[in-house]
Amino acid sequence: WWVTIVLCLVGISNGFNNVGLQNALFENAPVSVIGTA
């Protein structure tokens, strides 16, 4: 149960990171080079 809790903390973080960093990329990359970025 303790191993499960620790892994869940990492999983929760991963969900926020994937969406948050991709959105941060789009907020800061010009549309003209978004494919390359």
Full PDB file with SEQRES, HELIX, SHEET, SSBOND, CRYST1, ORIGX, SCALE, CONECT and MASTER records, all heavy atoms in Angstrom:
SEQRES   1 A   37  TRP TRP VAL THR ILE VAL LEU CYS LEU VAL GLY ILE SER          
SEQRES   2 A   37  ASN GLY PHE ASN ASN VAL GLY LEU GLN ASN ALA LEU PHE          
SEQRES   3 A   37  GLU ASN ALA PRO VAL SER VAL ILE GLY THR ALA                  
HELIX    1 AA1 TRP A    2  ASN A   28  1                                  27    
HELIX    2 AA2 VAL A   31  VAL A   33  5                                   3    
CRYST1    1.000    1.000    1.000  90.00  90.00  90.00 P 1           1          
ORIGX1      1.000000  0.000000  0.000000        0.00000                         
ORIGX2      0.000000  1.000000  0.000000        0.00000                         
ORIGX3      0.000000  0.000000  1.000000        0.00000                         
SCALE1      1.000000  0.000000  0.000000        0.00000                         
SCALE2      0.000000  1.000000  0.000000        0.00000                         
SCALE3      0.000000  0.000000  1.000000        0.00000                         
ATOM      1  N   TRP A   1       0.822  -1.204   0.000  1.00  0.00           N  
ATOM      2  CA  TRP A   1       0.000   0.000   0.000  1.00  0.00           C  
ATOM      3  C   TRP A   1       0.865   1.267   0.000  1.00  0.00           C  
ATOM      4  O   TRP A   1       0.491   2.282  -0.600  1.00  0.00           O  
ATOM      5  CB  TRP A   1      -0.975   0.013   1.178  1.00  0.00           C  
ATOM      6  CG  TRP A   1      -0.337   0.023   2.545  1.00  0.00           C  
ATOM      7  CD1 TRP A   1      -0.049  -1.040   3.336  1.00  0.00           C  
ATOM      8  CD2 TRP A   1       0.088   1.196   3.269  1.00  0.00           C  
ATOM      9  NE1 TRP A   1       0.545  -0.639   4.512  1.00  0.00           N  
ATOM     10  CE2 TRP A   1       0.632   0.735   4.497  1.00  0.00           C  
ATOM     11  CE3 TRP A   1       0.062   2.564   3.019  1.00  0.00           C  
ATOM     12  CZ2 TRP A   1       1.135   1.597   5.461  1.00  0.00           C  
ATOM     13  CZ3 TRP A   1       0.573   3.424   3.977  1.00  0.00           C  
ATOM     14  CH2 TRP A   1       1.098   2.942   5.181  1.00  0.00           C  
ATOM     15  N   TRP A   2       2.020   1.196   0.653  1.00  0.00           N  
ATOM     16  CA  TRP A   2       2.897   2.357   0.695  1.00  0.00           C  
ATOM     17  C   TRP A   2       3.596   2.554  -0.654  1.00  0.00           C  
ATOM     18  O   TRP A   2       3.736   3.685  -1.124  1.00  0.00           O  
ATOM     19  CB  TRP A   2       3.917   2.209   1.807  1.00  0.00           C  
ATOM     20  CG  TRP A   2       4.859   3.381   1.932  1.00  0.00           C  
ATOM     21  CD1 TRP A   2       6.199   3.394   1.752  1.00  0.00           C  
ATOM     22  CD2 TRP A   2       4.504   4.725   2.270  1.00  0.00           C  
ATOM     23  NE1 TRP A   2       6.716   4.656   1.934  1.00  0.00           N  
ATOM     24  CE2 TRP A   2       5.688   5.501   2.258  1.00  0.00           C  
ATOM     25  CE3 TRP A   2       3.288   5.363   2.565  1.00  0.00           C  
ATOM     26  CZ2 TRP A   2       5.696   6.855   2.542  1.00  0.00           C  
ATOM     27  CZ3 TRP A   2       3.306   6.730   2.844  1.00  0.00           C  
ATOM     28  CH2 TRP A   2       4.492   7.450   2.832  1.00  0.00           C  
ATOM     29  N   VAL A   3       4.006   1.458  -1.281  1.00  0.00           N  
ATOM     30  CA  VAL A   3       4.577   1.541  -2.632  1.00  0.00           C  
ATOM     31  C   VAL A   3       3.556   2.167  -3.588  1.00  0.00           C  
ATOM     32  O   VAL A   3       3.894   3.023  -4.415  1.00  0.00           O  
ATOM     33  CB  VAL A   3       4.995   0.141  -3.133  1.00  0.00           C  
ATOM     34  CG1 VAL A   3       5.413   0.191  -4.601  1.00  0.00           C  
ATOM     35  CG2 VAL A   3       6.123  -0.416  -2.286  1.00  0.00           C  
ATOM     36  N   THR A   4       2.301   1.759  -3.447  1.00  0.00           N  
ATOM     37  CA  THR A   4       1.235   2.280  -4.300  1.00  0.00           C  
ATOM     38  C   THR A   4       1.063   3.780  -4.122  1.00  0.00           C  
ATOM     39  O   THR A   4       0.925   4.525  -5.098  1.00  0.00           O  
ATOM     40  CB  THR A   4      -0.091   1.560  -3.989  1.00  0.00           C  
ATOM     41  OG1 THR A   4       0.068   0.157  -4.204  1.00  0.00           O  
ATOM     42  CG2 THR A   4      -1.211   2.080  -4.882  1.00  0.00           C  
ATOM     43  N   ILE A   5       1.086   4.248  -2.877  1.00  0.00           N  
ATOM     44  CA  ILE A   5       0.923   5.684  -2.609  1.00  0.00           C  
ATOM     45  C   ILE A   5       2.037   6.491  -3.260  1.00  0.00           C  
ATOM     46  O   ILE A   5       1.805   7.532  -3.890  1.00  0.00           O  
ATOM     47  CB  ILE A   5       0.880   5.937  -1.086  1.00  0.00           C  
ATOM     48  CG1 ILE A   5      -0.446   5.435  -0.512  1.00  0.00           C  
ATOM     49  CG2 ILE A   5       1.064   7.427  -0.772  1.00  0.00           C  
ATOM     50  CD1 ILE A   5      -0.550   5.549   0.993  1.00  0.00           C  
ATOM     51  N   VAL A   6       3.260   6.016  -3.117  1.00  0.00           N  
ATOM     52  CA  VAL A   6       4.402   6.733  -3.696  1.00  0.00           C  
ATOM     53  C   VAL A   6       4.269   6.806  -5.220  1.00  0.00           C  
ATOM     54  O   VAL A   6       4.490   7.865  -5.825  1.00  0.00           O  
ATOM     55  CB  VAL A   6       5.730   6.064  -3.296  1.00  0.00           C  
ATOM     56  CG1 VAL A   6       6.905   6.731  -4.012  1.00  0.00           C  
ATOM     57  CG2 VAL A   6       5.923   6.121  -1.787  1.00  0.00           C  
ATOM     58  N   LEU A   7       3.899   5.699  -5.850  1.00  0.00           N  
ATOM     59  CA  LEU A   7       3.750   5.691  -7.302  1.00  0.00           C  
ATOM     60  C   LEU A   7       2.586   6.580  -7.757  1.00  0.00           C  
ATOM     61  O   LEU A   7       2.655   7.206  -8.817  1.00  0.00           O  
ATOM     62  CB  LEU A   7       3.541   4.257  -7.804  1.00  0.00           C  
ATOM     63  CG  LEU A   7       4.725   3.307  -7.610  1.00  0.00           C  
ATOM     64  CD1 LEU A   7       4.387   1.919  -8.148  1.00  0.00           C  
ATOM     65  CD2 LEU A   7       5.975   3.844  -8.306  1.00  0.00           C  
ATOM     66  N   CYS A   8       1.546   6.651  -6.950  1.00  0.00           N  
ATOM     67  CA  CYS A   8       0.417   7.524  -7.287  1.00  0.00           C  
ATOM     68  C   CYS A   8       0.832   8.995  -7.277  1.00  0.00           C  
ATOM     69  O   CYS A   8       0.374   9.788  -8.112  1.00  0.00           O  
ATOM     70  CB  CYS A   8      -0.737   7.295  -6.317  1.00  0.00           C  
ATOM     71  SG  CYS A   8      -1.622   5.735  -6.577  1.00  0.00           S  
ATOM     72  N   LEU A   9       1.695   9.376  -6.335  1.00  0.00           N  
ATOM     73  CA  LEU A   9       2.187  10.752  -6.293  1.00  0.00           C  
ATOM     74  C   LEU A   9       2.919  11.112  -7.579  1.00  0.00           C  
ATOM     75  O   LEU A   9       2.745  12.193  -8.139  1.00  0.00           O  
ATOM     76  CB  LEU A   9       3.120  10.942  -5.083  1.00  0.00           C  
ATOM     77  CG  LEU A   9       2.475  10.884  -3.697  1.00  0.00           C  
ATOM     78  CD1 LEU A   9       3.551  10.940  -2.617  1.00  0.00           C  
ATOM     79  CD2 LEU A   9       1.486  12.031  -3.526  1.00  0.00           C  
ATOM     80  N   VAL A  10       3.746  10.175  -8.071  1.00  0.00           N  
ATOM     81  CA  VAL A  10       4.472  10.396  -9.321  1.00  0.00           C  
ATOM     82  C   VAL A  10       3.493  10.485 -10.487  1.00  0.00           C  
ATOM     83  O   VAL A  10       3.642  11.322 -11.389  1.00  0.00           O  
ATOM     84  CB  VAL A  10       5.501   9.284  -9.550  1.00  0.00           C  
ATOM     85  CG1 VAL A  10       6.201   9.475 -10.900  1.00  0.00           C  
ATOM     86  CG2 VAL A  10       6.532   9.255  -8.429  1.00  0.00           C  
ATOM     87  N   GLY A  11       2.467   9.619 -10.495  1.00  0.00           N  
ATOM     88  CA  GLY A  11       1.475   9.630 -11.568  1.00  0.00           C  
ATOM     89  C   GLY A  11       0.685  10.926 -11.614  1.00  0.00           C  
ATOM     90  O   GLY A  11       0.425  11.473 -12.692  1.00  0.00           O  
ATOM     91  N   ILE A  12       0.297  11.438 -10.441  1.00  0.00           N  
ATOM     92  CA  ILE A  12      -0.427  12.715 -10.380  1.00  0.00           C  
ATOM     93  C   ILE A  12       0.431  13.831 -10.955  1.00  0.00           C  
ATOM     94  O   ILE A  12      -0.026  14.660 -11.745  1.00  0.00           O  
ATOM     95  CB  ILE A  12      -0.837  13.021  -8.927  1.00  0.00           C  
ATOM     96  CG1 ILE A  12      -1.911  12.028  -8.466  1.00  0.00           C  
ATOM     97  CG2 ILE A  12      -1.334  14.458  -8.791  1.00  0.00           C  
ATOM     98  CD1 ILE A  12      -2.236  12.104  -6.989  1.00  0.00           C  
ATOM     99  N   SER A  13       1.692  13.845 -10.558  1.00  0.00           N  
ATOM    100  CA  SER A  13       2.614  14.858 -11.066  1.00  0.00           C  
ATOM    101  C   SER A  13       2.757  14.765 -12.584  1.00  0.00           C  
ATOM    102  O   SER A  13       2.770  15.787 -13.289  1.00  0.00           O  
ATOM    103  CB  SER A  13       3.984  14.682 -10.407  1.00  0.00           C  
ATOM    104  OG  SER A  13       4.944  15.525 -10.996  1.00  0.00           O  
ATOM    105  N   ASN A  14       2.843  13.545 -13.106  1.00  0.00           N  
ATOM    106  CA  ASN A  14       3.028  13.363 -14.546  1.00  0.00           C  
ATOM    107  C   ASN A  14       1.849  13.913 -15.339  1.00  0.00           C  
ATOM    108  O   ASN A  14       2.017  14.495 -16.412  1.00  0.00           O  
ATOM    109  CB  ASN A  14       3.228  11.879 -14.848  1.00  0.00           C  
ATOM    110  CG  ASN A  14       3.656  11.630 -16.278  1.00  0.00           C  
ATOM    111  OD1 ASN A  14       4.591  12.240 -16.770  1.00  0.00           O  
ATOM    112  ND2 ASN A  14       2.967  10.716 -16.950  1.00  0.00           N  
ATOM    113  N   GLY A  15       0.638  13.743 -14.817  1.00  0.00           N  
ATOM    114  CA  GLY A  15      -0.544  14.267 -15.496  1.00  0.00           C  
ATOM    115  C   GLY A  15      -0.518  15.780 -15.623  1.00  0.00           C  
ATOM    116  O   GLY A  15      -0.818  16.346 -16.683  1.00  0.00           O  
ATOM    117  N   PHE A  16      -0.135  16.464 -14.537  1.00  0.00           N  
ATOM    118  CA  PHE A  16      -0.033  17.920 -14.588  1.00  0.00           C  
ATOM    119  C   PHE A  16       1.106  18.369 -15.499  1.00  0.00           C  
ATOM    120  O   PHE A  16       0.979  19.343 -16.244  1.00  0.00           O  
ATOM    121  CB  PHE A  16       0.185  18.482 -13.172  1.00  0.00           C  
ATOM    122  CG  PHE A  16      -1.066  18.536 -12.346  1.00  0.00           C  
ATOM    123  CD1 PHE A  16      -1.237  17.695 -11.264  1.00  0.00           C  
ATOM    124  CD2 PHE A  16      -2.073  19.432 -12.659  1.00  0.00           C  
ATOM    125  CE1 PHE A  16      -2.383  17.741 -10.500  1.00  0.00           C  
ATOM    126  CE2 PHE A  16      -3.238  19.500 -11.893  1.00  0.00           C  
ATOM    127  CZ  PHE A  16      -3.391  18.644 -10.807  1.00  0.00           C  
ATOM    128  N   ASN A  17       2.241  17.681 -15.425  1.00  0.00           N  
ATOM    129  CA  ASN A  17       3.406  18.084 -16.205  1.00  0.00           C  
ATOM    130  C   ASN A  17       3.163  17.978 -17.705  1.00  0.00           C  
ATOM    131  O   ASN A  17       3.540  18.870 -18.474  1.00  0.00           O  
ATOM    132  CB  ASN A  17       4.626  17.233 -15.826  1.00  0.00           C  
ATOM    133  CG  ASN A  17       5.337  17.761 -14.603  1.00  0.00           C  
ATOM    134  OD1 ASN A  17       5.436  18.968 -14.408  1.00  0.00           O  
ATOM    135  ND2 ASN A  17       5.821  16.868 -13.764  1.00  0.00           N  
ATOM    136  N   ASN A  18       2.555  16.879 -18.143  1.00  0.00           N  
ATOM    137  CA  ASN A  18       2.349  16.673 -19.583  1.00  0.00           C  
ATOM    138  C   ASN A  18       1.494  17.783 -20.187  1.00  0.00           C  
ATOM    139  O   ASN A  18       1.830  18.361 -21.221  1.00  0.00           O  
ATOM    140  CB  ASN A  18       1.693  15.314 -19.836  1.00  0.00           C  
ATOM    141  CG  ASN A  18       2.688  14.174 -19.773  1.00  0.00           C  
ATOM    142  OD1 ASN A  18       3.871  14.348 -20.012  1.00  0.00           O  
ATOM    143  ND2 ASN A  18       2.207  12.991 -19.441  1.00  0.00           N  
ATOM    144  N   VAL A  19       0.383  18.097 -19.525  1.00  0.00           N  
ATOM    145  CA  VAL A  19      -0.517  19.118 -20.060  1.00  0.00           C  
ATOM    146  C   VAL A  19       0.063  20.512 -19.847  1.00  0.00           C  
ATOM    147  O   VAL A  19       0.048  21.357 -20.737  1.00  0.00           O  
ATOM    148  CB  VAL A  19      -1.913  19.010 -19.410  1.00  0.00           C  
ATOM    149  CG1 VAL A  19      -2.856  20.053 -20.008  1.00  0.00           C  
ATOM    150  CG2 VAL A  19      -2.492  17.617 -19.611  1.00  0.00           C  
ATOM    151  N   GLY A  20       0.602  20.741 -18.643  1.00  0.00           N  
ATOM    152  CA  GLY A  20       1.104  22.072 -18.302  1.00  0.00           C  
ATOM    153  C   GLY A  20       2.261  22.517 -19.174  1.00  0.00           C  
ATOM    154  O   GLY A  20       2.303  23.662 -19.646  1.00  0.00           O  
ATOM    155  N   LEU A  21       3.226  21.627 -19.411  1.00  0.00           N  
ATOM    156  CA  LEU A  21       4.392  22.014 -20.204  1.00  0.00           C  
ATOM    157  C   LEU A  21       4.053  22.153 -21.681  1.00  0.00           C  
ATOM    158  O   LEU A  21       4.602  23.019 -22.369  1.00  0.00           O  
ATOM    159  CB  LEU A  21       5.518  21.000 -19.996  1.00  0.00           C  
ATOM    160  CG  LEU A  21       6.214  21.095 -18.629  1.00  0.00           C  
ATOM    161  CD1 LEU A  21       7.193  19.947 -18.437  1.00  0.00           C  
ATOM    162  CD2 LEU A  21       6.931  22.430 -18.477  1.00  0.00           C  
ATOM    163  N   GLN A  22       3.149  21.303 -22.179  1.00  0.00           N  
ATOM    164  CA  GLN A  22       2.729  21.476 -23.577  1.00  0.00           C  
ATOM    165  C   GLN A  22       1.994  22.799 -23.756  1.00  0.00           C  
ATOM    166  O   GLN A  22       2.181  23.495 -24.760  1.00  0.00           O  
ATOM    167  CB  GLN A  22       1.837  20.311 -24.007  1.00  0.00           C  
ATOM    168  CG  GLN A  22       2.591  19.016 -24.228  1.00  0.00           C  
ATOM    169  CD  GLN A  22       1.697  17.915 -24.762  1.00  0.00           C  
ATOM    170  OE1 GLN A  22       1.523  17.751 -25.956  1.00  0.00           O  
ATOM    171  NE2 GLN A  22       1.131  17.145 -23.851  1.00  0.00           N  
ATOM    172  N   ASN A  23       1.180  23.165 -22.779  1.00  0.00           N  
ATOM    173  CA  ASN A  23       0.481  24.441 -22.872  1.00  0.00           C  
ATOM    174  C   ASN A  23       1.463  25.614 -22.764  1.00  0.00           C  
ATOM    175  O   ASN A  23       1.332  26.619 -23.470  1.00  0.00           O  
ATOM    176  CB  ASN A  23      -0.571  24.546 -21.768  1.00  0.00           C  
ATOM    177  CG  ASN A  23      -1.482  25.737 -21.971  1.00  0.00           C  
ATOM    178  OD1 ASN A  23      -2.312  25.760 -22.868  1.00  0.00           O  
ATOM    179  ND2 ASN A  23      -1.327  26.753 -21.128  1.00  0.00           N  
ATOM    180  N   ALA A  24       2.468  25.477 -21.885  1.00  0.00           N  
ATOM    181  CA  ALA A  24       3.494  26.517 -21.765  1.00  0.00           C  
ATOM    182  C   ALA A  24       4.257  26.677 -23.079  1.00  0.00           C  
ATOM    183  O   ALA A  24       4.623  27.794 -23.466  1.00  0.00           O  
ATOM    184  CB  ALA A  24       4.455  26.172 -20.632  1.00  0.00           C  
ATOM    185  N   LEU A  25       4.487  25.564 -23.768  1.00  0.00           N  
ATOM    186  CA  LEU A  25       5.135  25.620 -25.078  1.00  0.00           C  
ATOM    187  C   LEU A  25       4.295  26.439 -26.038  1.00  0.00           C  
ATOM    188  O   LEU A  25       4.797  27.333 -26.740  1.00  0.00           O  
ATOM    189  CB  LEU A  25       5.328  24.203 -25.621  1.00  0.00           C  
ATOM    190  CG  LEU A  25       5.824  24.087 -27.065  1.00  0.00           C  
ATOM    191  CD1 LEU A  25       7.322  24.368 -27.127  1.00  0.00           C  
ATOM    192  CD2 LEU A  25       5.506  22.723 -27.656  1.00  0.00           C  
ATOM    193  N   PHE A  26       3.001  26.162 -26.105  1.00  0.00           N  
ATOM    194  CA  PHE A  26       2.120  26.860 -27.031  1.00  0.00           C  
ATOM    195  C   PHE A  26       1.954  28.330 -26.669  1.00  0.00           C  
ATOM    196  O   PHE A  26       1.760  29.176 -27.537  1.00  0.00           O  
ATOM    197  CB  PHE A  26       0.747  26.180 -27.073  1.00  0.00           C  
ATOM    198  CG  PHE A  26       0.743  24.882 -27.821  1.00  0.00           C  
ATOM    199  CD1 PHE A  26      -0.336  24.022 -27.742  1.00  0.00           C  
ATOM    200  CD2 PHE A  26       1.815  24.513 -28.606  1.00  0.00           C  
ATOM    201  CE1 PHE A  26      -0.355  22.818 -28.430  1.00  0.00           C  
ATOM    202  CE2 PHE A  26       1.817  23.312 -29.302  1.00  0.00           C  
ATOM    203  CZ  PHE A  26       0.731  22.473 -29.219  1.00  0.00           C  
ATOM    204  N   GLU A  27       2.016  28.651 -25.381  1.00  0.00           N  
ATOM    205  CA  GLU A  27       1.892  30.039 -24.955  1.00  0.00           C  
ATOM    206  C   GLU A  27       3.086  30.881 -25.398  1.00  0.00           C  
ATOM    207  O   GLU A  27       2.968  32.092 -25.565  1.00  0.00           O  
ATOM    208  CB  GLU A  27       1.760  30.120 -23.433  1.00  0.00           C  
ATOM    209  CG  GLU A  27       0.409  29.669 -22.898  1.00  0.00           C  
ATOM    210  CD  GLU A  27       0.366  29.700 -21.377  1.00  0.00           C  
ATOM    211  OE1 GLU A  27       1.451  29.729 -20.748  1.00  0.00           O  
ATOM    212  OE2 GLU A  27      -0.735  29.695 -20.812  1.00  0.00           O  
ATOM    213  N   ASN A  28       4.233  30.235 -25.589  1.00  0.00           N  
ATOM    214  CA  ASN A  28       5.466  30.981 -25.819  1.00  0.00           C  
ATOM    215  C   ASN A  28       6.087  30.776 -27.189  1.00  0.00           C  
ATOM    216  O   ASN A  28       7.075  31.441 -27.519  1.00  0.00           O  
ATOM    217  CB  ASN A  28       6.491  30.606 -24.745  1.00  0.00           C  
ATOM    218  CG  ASN A  28       6.091  31.070 -23.365  1.00  0.00           C  
ATOM    219  OD1 ASN A  28       6.250  32.231 -23.016  1.00  0.00           O  
ATOM    220  ND2 ASN A  28       5.529  30.160 -22.565  1.00  0.00           N  
ATOM    221  N   ALA A  29       5.564  29.850 -27.998  1.00  0.00           N  
ATOM    222  CA  ALA A  29       6.121  29.597 -29.334  1.00  0.00           C  
ATOM    223  C   ALA A  29       5.283  30.311 -30.388  1.00  0.00           C  
ATOM    224  O   ALA A  29       4.052  30.197 -30.386  1.00  0.00           O  
ATOM    225  CB  ALA A  29       6.158  28.098 -29.626  1.00  0.00           C  
ATOM    226  N   PRO A  30       5.914  31.054 -31.304  1.00  0.00           N  
ATOM    227  CA  PRO A  30       5.164  31.688 -32.392  1.00  0.00           C  
ATOM    228  C   PRO A  30       4.459  30.648 -33.265  1.00  0.00           C  
ATOM    229  O   PRO A  30       4.975  29.549 -33.470  1.00  0.00           O  
ATOM    230  CB  PRO A  30       6.259  32.415 -33.193  1.00  0.00           C  
ATOM    231  CG  PRO A  30       7.400  32.574 -32.242  1.00  0.00           C  
ATOM    232  CD  PRO A  30       7.343  31.382 -31.336  1.00  0.00           C  
ATOM    233  N   VAL A  31       3.302  31.005 -33.786  1.00  0.00           N  
ATOM    234  CA  VAL A  31       2.530  30.082 -34.608  1.00  0.00           C  
ATOM    235  C   VAL A  31       3.310  29.644 -35.847  1.00  0.00           C  
ATOM    236  O   VAL A  31       3.195  28.506 -36.294  1.00  0.00           O  
ATOM    237  CB  VAL A  31       1.190  30.739 -35.026  1.00  0.00           C  
ATOM    238  CG1 VAL A  31       0.404  29.813 -35.938  1.00  0.00           C  
ATOM    239  CG2 VAL A  31       0.366  31.090 -33.808  1.00  0.00           C  
ATOM    240  N   SER A  32       4.153  30.522 -36.377  1.00  0.00           N  
ATOM    241  CA  SER A  32       4.868  30.227 -37.627  1.00  0.00           C  
ATOM    242  C   SER A  32       5.860  29.079 -37.485  1.00  0.00           C  
ATOM    243  O   SER A  32       6.230  28.463 -38.489  1.00  0.00           O  
ATOM    244  CB  SER A  32       5.601  31.476 -38.115  1.00  0.00           C  
ATOM    245  OG  SER A  32       6.529  31.926 -37.141  1.00  0.00           O  
ATOM    246  N   VAL A  33       6.310  28.798 -36.260  1.00  0.00           N  
ATOM    247  CA  VAL A  33       7.303  27.727 -36.063  1.00  0.00           C  
ATOM    248  C   VAL A  33       6.792  26.679 -35.089  1.00  0.00           C  
ATOM    249  O   VAL A  33       7.568  25.921 -34.510  1.00  0.00           O  
ATOM    250  CB  VAL A  33       8.648  28.302 -35.563  1.00  0.00           C  
ATOM    251  CG1 VAL A  33       9.257  29.211 -36.601  1.00  0.00           C  
ATOM    252  CG2 VAL A  33       8.484  29.028 -34.225  1.00  0.00           C  
ATOM    253  N   ILE A  34       5.473  26.596 -34.890  1.00  0.00           N  
ATOM    254  CA  ILE A  34       4.948  25.723 -33.851  1.00  0.00           C  
ATOM    255  C   ILE A  34       5.209  24.251 -34.153  1.00  0.00           C  
ATOM    256  O   ILE A  34       5.435  23.448 -33.245  1.00  0.00           O  
ATOM    257  CB  ILE A  34       3.428  25.977 -33.641  1.00  0.00           C  
ATOM    258  CG1 ILE A  34       2.948  25.270 -32.368  1.00  0.00           C  
ATOM    259  CG2 ILE A  34       2.631  25.549 -34.852  1.00  0.00           C  
ATOM    260  CD1 ILE A  34       3.628  25.728 -31.118  1.00  0.00           C  
ATOM    261  N   GLY A  35       5.218  23.868 -35.431  1.00  0.00           N  
ATOM    262  CA  GLY A  35       5.509  22.480 -35.772  1.00  0.00           C  
ATOM    263  C   GLY A  35       6.919  22.091 -35.370  1.00  0.00           C  
ATOM    264  O   GLY A  35       7.145  21.043 -34.762  1.00  0.00           O  
ATOM    265  N   THR A  36       7.886  22.965 -35.688  1.00  0.00           N  
ATOM    266  CA  THR A  36       9.272  22.702 -35.318  1.00  0.00           C  
ATOM    267  C   THR A  36       9.433  22.683 -33.805  1.00  0.00           C  
ATOM    268  O   THR A  36      10.117  21.815 -33.247  1.00  0.00           O  
ATOM    269  CB  THR A  36      10.196  23.780 -35.920  1.00  0.00           C  
ATOM    270  OG1 THR A  36       9.952  23.884 -37.319  1.00  0.00           O  
ATOM    271  CG2 THR A  36      11.658  23.424 -35.691  1.00  0.00           C  
ATOM    272  N   ALA A  37       8.808  23.644 -33.114  1.00  0.00           N  
ATOM    273  CA  ALA A  37       8.913  23.715 -31.657  1.00  0.00           C  
ATOM    274  C   ALA A  37       8.306  22.472 -31.001  1.00  0.00           C  
ATOM    275  O   ALA A  37       8.859  21.934 -30.043  1.00  0.00           O  
ATOM    276  CB  ALA A  37       8.227  24.976 -31.145  1.00  0.00           C  
TER     277      ALA A  37                                                      
MASTER        0    0    0    2    0    0    0    6  276    1    0    3          
END                                                                             
